[in-house]
Amino acid sequence: MDNKINMSQLMSMLSKMDKKDLENGLNQVSQILKSKDANTIIDEIKKEKM
């Protein structure tokens, strides 16, 4: 599966999500960003792409 997605596809997916699911997902992202420093997050993203 290709990880690339354009903005219209992303917006379409978001518009179909339930508001509660979307809020929960954004809260999880927020917690991850608060709990780790930027370099740690970047390193994890790079590992996933390999």
PDB file of N, CA and C in Angstrom:
ATOM      1  N   MET A   1       0.836  -1.184   0.000  1.00  0.00           N
ATOM      2  CA  MET A   1       0.000   0.000   0.000  1.00  0.00           C
ATOM      3  C   MET A   1       0.881   1.247   0.000  1.00  0.00           C
ATOM      4  N   ASP A   2       0.519   2.195  -0.795  1.00  0.00           N
ATOM      5  CA  ASP A   2       1.276   3.436  -0.900  1.00  0.00           C
ATOM      6  C   ASP A   2       0.881   4.377   0.227  1.00  0.00           C
ATOM      7  N   ASN A   3       1.868   4.931   0.914  1.00  0.00           N
ATOM      8  CA  ASN A   3       1.591   5.820   2.035  1.00  0.00           C
ATOM      9  C   ASN A   3       1.265   7.240   1.604  1.00  0.00           C
ATOM     10  N   LYS A   4       1.451   7.551   0.321  1.00  0.00           N
ATOM     11  CA  LYS A   4       1.182   8.907  -0.148  1.00  0.00           C
ATOM     12  C   LYS A   4      -0.326   9.102  -0.290  1.00  0.00           C
ATOM     13  N   ILE A   5      -0.791  10.256   0.125  1.00  0.00           N
ATOM     14  CA  ILE A   5      -2.216  10.566   0.042  1.00  0.00           C
ATOM     15  C   ILE A   5      -2.336  12.059  -0.244  1.00  0.00           C
ATOM     16  N   ASN A   6      -3.229  12.426  -1.140  1.00  0.00           N
ATOM     17  CA  ASN A   6      -3.363  13.854  -1.408  1.00  0.00           C
ATOM     18  C   ASN A   6      -4.364  14.477  -0.443  1.00  0.00           C
ATOM     19  N   MET A   7      -4.355  15.798  -0.396  1.00  0.00           N
ATOM     20  CA  MET A   7      -5.190  16.497   0.579  1.00  0.00           C
ATOM     21  C   MET A   7      -6.683  16.261   0.358  1.00  0.00           C
ATOM     22  N   SER A   8      -7.114  16.150  -0.892  1.00  0.00           N
ATOM     23  CA  SER A   8      -8.545  15.925  -1.120  1.00  0.00           C
ATOM     24  C   SER A   8      -8.968  14.555  -0.601  1.00  0.00           C
ATOM     25  N   GLN A   9      -8.096  13.551  -0.749  1.00  0.00           N
ATOM     26  CA  GLN A   9      -8.408  12.221  -0.204  1.00  0.00           C
ATOM     27  C   GLN A   9      -8.468  12.286   1.316  1.00  0.00           C
ATOM     28  N   LEU A  10      -7.519  13.003   1.912  1.00  0.00           N
ATOM     29  CA  LEU A  10      -7.480  13.122   3.369  1.00  0.00           C
ATOM     30  C   LEU A  10      -8.730  13.831   3.887  1.00  0.00           C
ATOM     31  N   MET A  11      -9.103  14.937   3.248  1.00  0.00           N
ATOM     32  CA  MET A  11     -10.283  15.675   3.683  1.00  0.00           C
ATOM     33  C   MET A  11     -11.550  14.835   3.511  1.00  0.00           C
ATOM     34  N   SER A  12     -11.606  14.058   2.442  1.00  0.00           N
ATOM     35  CA  SER A  12     -12.749  13.185   2.215  1.00  0.00           C
ATOM     36  C   SER A  12     -12.868  12.149   3.325  1.00  0.00           C
ATOM     37  N   MET A  13     -11.730  11.552   3.701  1.00  0.00           N
ATOM     38  CA  MET A  13     -11.732  10.561   4.774  1.00  0.00           C
ATOM     39  C   MET A  13     -12.162  11.195   6.087  1.00  0.00           C
ATOM     40  N   LEU A  14     -11.635  12.386   6.378  1.00  0.00           N
ATOM     41  CA  LEU A  14     -11.966  13.061   7.635  1.00  0.00           C
ATOM     42  C   LEU A  14     -13.440  13.428   7.696  1.00  0.00           C
ATOM     43  N   SER A  15     -14.002  13.828   6.570  1.00  0.00           N
ATOM     44  CA  SER A  15     -15.409  14.229   6.562  1.00  0.00           C
ATOM     45  C   SER A  15     -16.341  13.045   6.810  1.00  0.00           C
ATOM     46  N   LYS A  16     -15.873  11.838   6.526  1.00  0.00           N
ATOM     47  CA  LYS A  16     -16.691  10.639   6.725  1.00  0.00           C
ATOM     48  C   LYS A  16     -16.573  10.084   8.138  1.00  0.00           C
ATOM     49  N   MET A  17     -15.584  10.550   8.894  1.00  0.00           N
ATOM     50  CA  MET A  17     -15.372  10.030  10.240  1.00  0.00           C
ATOM     51  C   MET A  17     -16.400  10.597  11.207  1.00  0.00           C
ATOM     52  N   ASP A  18     -16.744   9.801  12.183  1.00  0.00           N
ATOM     53  CA  ASP A  18     -17.609  10.256  13.261  1.00  0.00           C
ATOM     54  C   ASP A  18     -16.858  11.312  14.076  1.00  0.00           C
ATOM     55  N   LYS A  19     -17.565  12.322  14.533  1.00  0.00           N
ATOM     56  CA  LYS A  19     -16.928  13.419  15.265  1.00  0.00           C
ATOM     57  C   LYS A  19     -16.181  12.912  16.496  1.00  0.00           C
ATOM     58  N   LYS A  20     -16.765  11.979  17.227  1.00  0.00           N
ATOM     59  CA  LYS A  20     -16.111  11.442  18.432  1.00  0.00           C
ATOM     60  C   LYS A  20     -14.816  10.717  18.059  1.00  0.00           C
ATOM     61  N   ASP A  21     -14.859   9.903  16.977  1.00  0.00           N
ATOM     62  CA  ASP A  21     -13.653   9.188  16.536  1.00  0.00           C
ATOM     63  C   ASP A  21     -12.556  10.173  16.162  1.00  0.00           C
ATOM     64  N   LEU A  22     -12.947  11.227  15.453  1.00  0.00           N
ATOM     65  CA  LEU A  22     -11.992  12.234  15.040  1.00  0.00           C
ATOM     66  C   LEU A  22     -11.378  12.934  16.256  1.00  0.00           C
ATOM     67  N   GLU A  23     -12.200  13.297  17.212  1.00  0.00           N
ATOM     68  CA  GLU A  23     -11.697  13.946  18.428  1.00  0.00           C
ATOM     69  C   GLU A  23     -10.761  13.026  19.198  1.00  0.00           C
ATOM     70  N   ASN A  24     -11.121  11.756  19.307  1.00  0.00           N
ATOM     71  CA  ASN A  24     -10.265  10.792  20.002  1.00  0.00           C
ATOM     72  C   ASN A  24      -8.918  10.655  19.306  1.00  0.00           C
ATOM     73  N   GLY A  25      -8.944  10.574  17.979  1.00  0.00           N
ATOM     74  CA  GLY A  25      -7.693  10.459  17.209  1.00  0.00           C
ATOM     75  C   GLY A  25      -6.816  11.680  17.395  1.00  0.00           C
ATOM     76  N   LEU A  26      -7.428  12.860  17.356  1.00  0.00           N
ATOM     77  CA  LEU A  26      -6.650  14.087  17.540  1.00  0.00           C
ATOM     78  C   LEU A  26      -6.089  14.183  18.958  1.00  0.00           C
ATOM     79  N   ASN A  27      -6.840  13.713  19.934  1.00  0.00           N
ATOM     80  CA  ASN A  27      -6.337  13.701  21.313  1.00  0.00           C
ATOM     81  C   ASN A  27      -5.141  12.769  21.450  1.00  0.00           C
ATOM     82  N   GLN A  28      -5.198  11.615  20.778  1.00  0.00           N
ATOM     83  CA  GLN A  28      -4.076  10.682  20.819  1.00  0.00           C
ATOM     84  C   GLN A  28      -2.840  11.297  20.191  1.00  0.00           C
ATOM     85  N   VAL A  29      -3.018  11.952  19.044  1.00  0.00           N
ATOM     86  CA  VAL A  29      -1.891  12.621  18.379  1.00  0.00           C
ATOM     87  C   VAL A  29      -1.307  13.689  19.301  1.00  0.00           C
ATOM     88  N   SER A  30      -2.171  14.456  19.932  1.00  0.00           N
ATOM     89  CA  SER A  30      -1.727  15.509  20.837  1.00  0.00           C
ATOM     90  C   SER A  30      -0.902  14.936  21.993  1.00  0.00           C
ATOM     91  N   GLN A  31      -1.370  13.832  22.563  1.00  0.00           N
ATOM     92  CA  GLN A  31      -0.645  13.205  23.673  1.00  0.00           C
ATOM     93  C   GLN A  31       0.724  12.704  23.231  1.00  0.00           C
ATOM     94  N   ILE A  32       0.789  12.113  22.036  1.00  0.00           N
ATOM     95  CA  ILE A  32       2.068  11.622  21.514  1.00  0.00           C
ATOM     96  C   ILE A  32       3.033  12.788  21.337  1.00  0.00           C
ATOM     97  N   LEU A  33       2.543  13.870  20.760  1.00  0.00           N
ATOM     98  CA  LEU A  33       3.407  15.027  20.518  1.00  0.00           C
ATOM     99  C   LEU A  33       3.879  15.671  21.823  1.00  0.00           C
ATOM    100  N   LYS A  34       3.050  15.642  22.847  1.00  0.00           N
ATOM    101  CA  LYS A  34       3.430  16.224  24.132  1.00  0.00           C
ATOM    102  C   LYS A  34       4.418  15.332  24.880  1.00  0.00           C
ATOM    103  N   SER A  35       4.327  14.022  24.667  1.00  0.00           N
ATOM    104  CA  SER A  35       5.114  13.091  25.475  1.00  0.00           C
ATOM    105  C   SER A  35       6.506  12.832  24.925  1.00  0.00           C
ATOM    106  N   LYS A  36       6.769  13.225  23.689  1.00  0.00           N
ATOM    107  CA  LYS A  36       8.070  12.930  23.076  1.00  0.00           C
ATOM    108  C   LYS A  36       8.648  14.192  22.464  1.00  0.00           C
ATOM    109  N   ASP A  37       9.987  14.206  22.358  1.00  0.00           N
ATOM    110  CA  ASP A  37      10.599  15.346  21.700  1.00  0.00           C
ATOM    111  C   ASP A  37      10.573  15.130  20.184  1.00  0.00           C
ATOM    112  N   ALA A  38      10.771  16.184  19.437  1.00  0.00           N
ATOM    113  CA  ALA A  38      10.635  16.145  17.974  1.00  0.00           C
ATOM    114  C   ALA A  38      11.555  15.109  17.338  1.00  0.00           C
ATOM    115  N   ASN A  39      12.800  15.013  17.798  1.00  0.00           N
ATOM    116  CA  ASN A  39      13.737  14.070  17.182  1.00  0.00           C
ATOM    117  C   ASN A  39      13.294  12.629  17.366  1.00  0.00           C
ATOM    118  N   THR A  40      12.730  12.307  18.505  1.00  0.00           N
ATOM    119  CA  THR A  40      12.235  10.948  18.749  1.00  0.00           C
ATOM    120  C   THR A  40      11.102  10.617  17.786  1.00  0.00           C
ATOM    121  N   ILE A  41      10.167  11.546  17.610  1.00  0.00           N
ATOM    122  CA  ILE A  41       9.042  11.335  16.701  1.00  0.00           C
ATOM    123  C   ILE A  41       9.545  11.160  15.270  1.00  0.00           C
ATOM    124  N   ILE A  42      10.477  12.017  14.837  1.00  0.00           N
ATOM    125  CA  ILE A  42      11.023  11.934  13.482  1.00  0.00           C
ATOM    126  C   ILE A  42      11.722  10.601  13.260  1.00  0.00           C
ATOM    127  N   ASP A  43      12.521  10.156  14.247  1.00  0.00           N
ATOM    128  CA  ASP A  43      13.204   8.864  14.134  1.00  0.00           C
ATOM    129  C   ASP A  43      12.217   7.718  14.003  1.00  0.00           C
ATOM    130  N   GLU A  44      11.116   7.747  14.765  1.00  0.00           N
ATOM    131  CA  GLU A  44      10.106   6.686  14.679  1.00  0.00           C
ATOM    132  C   GLU A  44       9.437   6.678  13.324  1.00  0.00           C
ATOM    133  N   ILE A  45       9.152   7.844  12.771  1.00  0.00           N
ATOM    134  CA  ILE A  45       8.536   7.927  11.446  1.00  0.00           C
ATOM    135  C   ILE A  45       9.474   7.367  10.389  1.00  0.00           C
ATOM    136  N   LYS A  46      10.758   7.710  10.496  1.00  0.00           N
ATOM    137  CA  LYS A  46      11.741   7.211   9.525  1.00  0.00           C
ATOM    138  C   LYS A  46      11.847   5.692   9.594  1.00  0.00           C
ATOM    139  N   LYS A  47      11.819   5.124  10.790  1.00  0.00           N
ATOM    140  CA  LYS A  47      11.895   3.663  10.950  1.00  0.00           C
ATOM    141  C   LYS A  47      10.708   2.983  10.304  1.00  0.00           C
ATOM    142  N   GLU A  48       9.512   3.555  10.448  1.00  0.00           N
ATOM    143  CA  GLU A  48       8.299   2.970   9.880  1.00  0.00           C
ATOM    144  C   GLU A  48       8.328   2.960   8.363  1.00  0.00           C
ATOM    145  N   LYS A  49       8.983   3.944   7.767  1.00  0.00           N
ATOM    146  CA  LYS A  49       9.028   4.042   6.304  1.00  0.00           C
ATOM    147  C   LYS A  49      10.003   3.066   5.690  1.00  0.00           C
ATOM    148  N   MET A  50      10.925   2.538   6.478  1.00  0.00           N
ATOM    149  CA  MET A  50      11.926   1.605   5.934  1.00  0.00           C
ATOM    150  C   MET A  50      11.410   0.209   5.830  1.00  0.00           C
TER     151      MET A  50
END
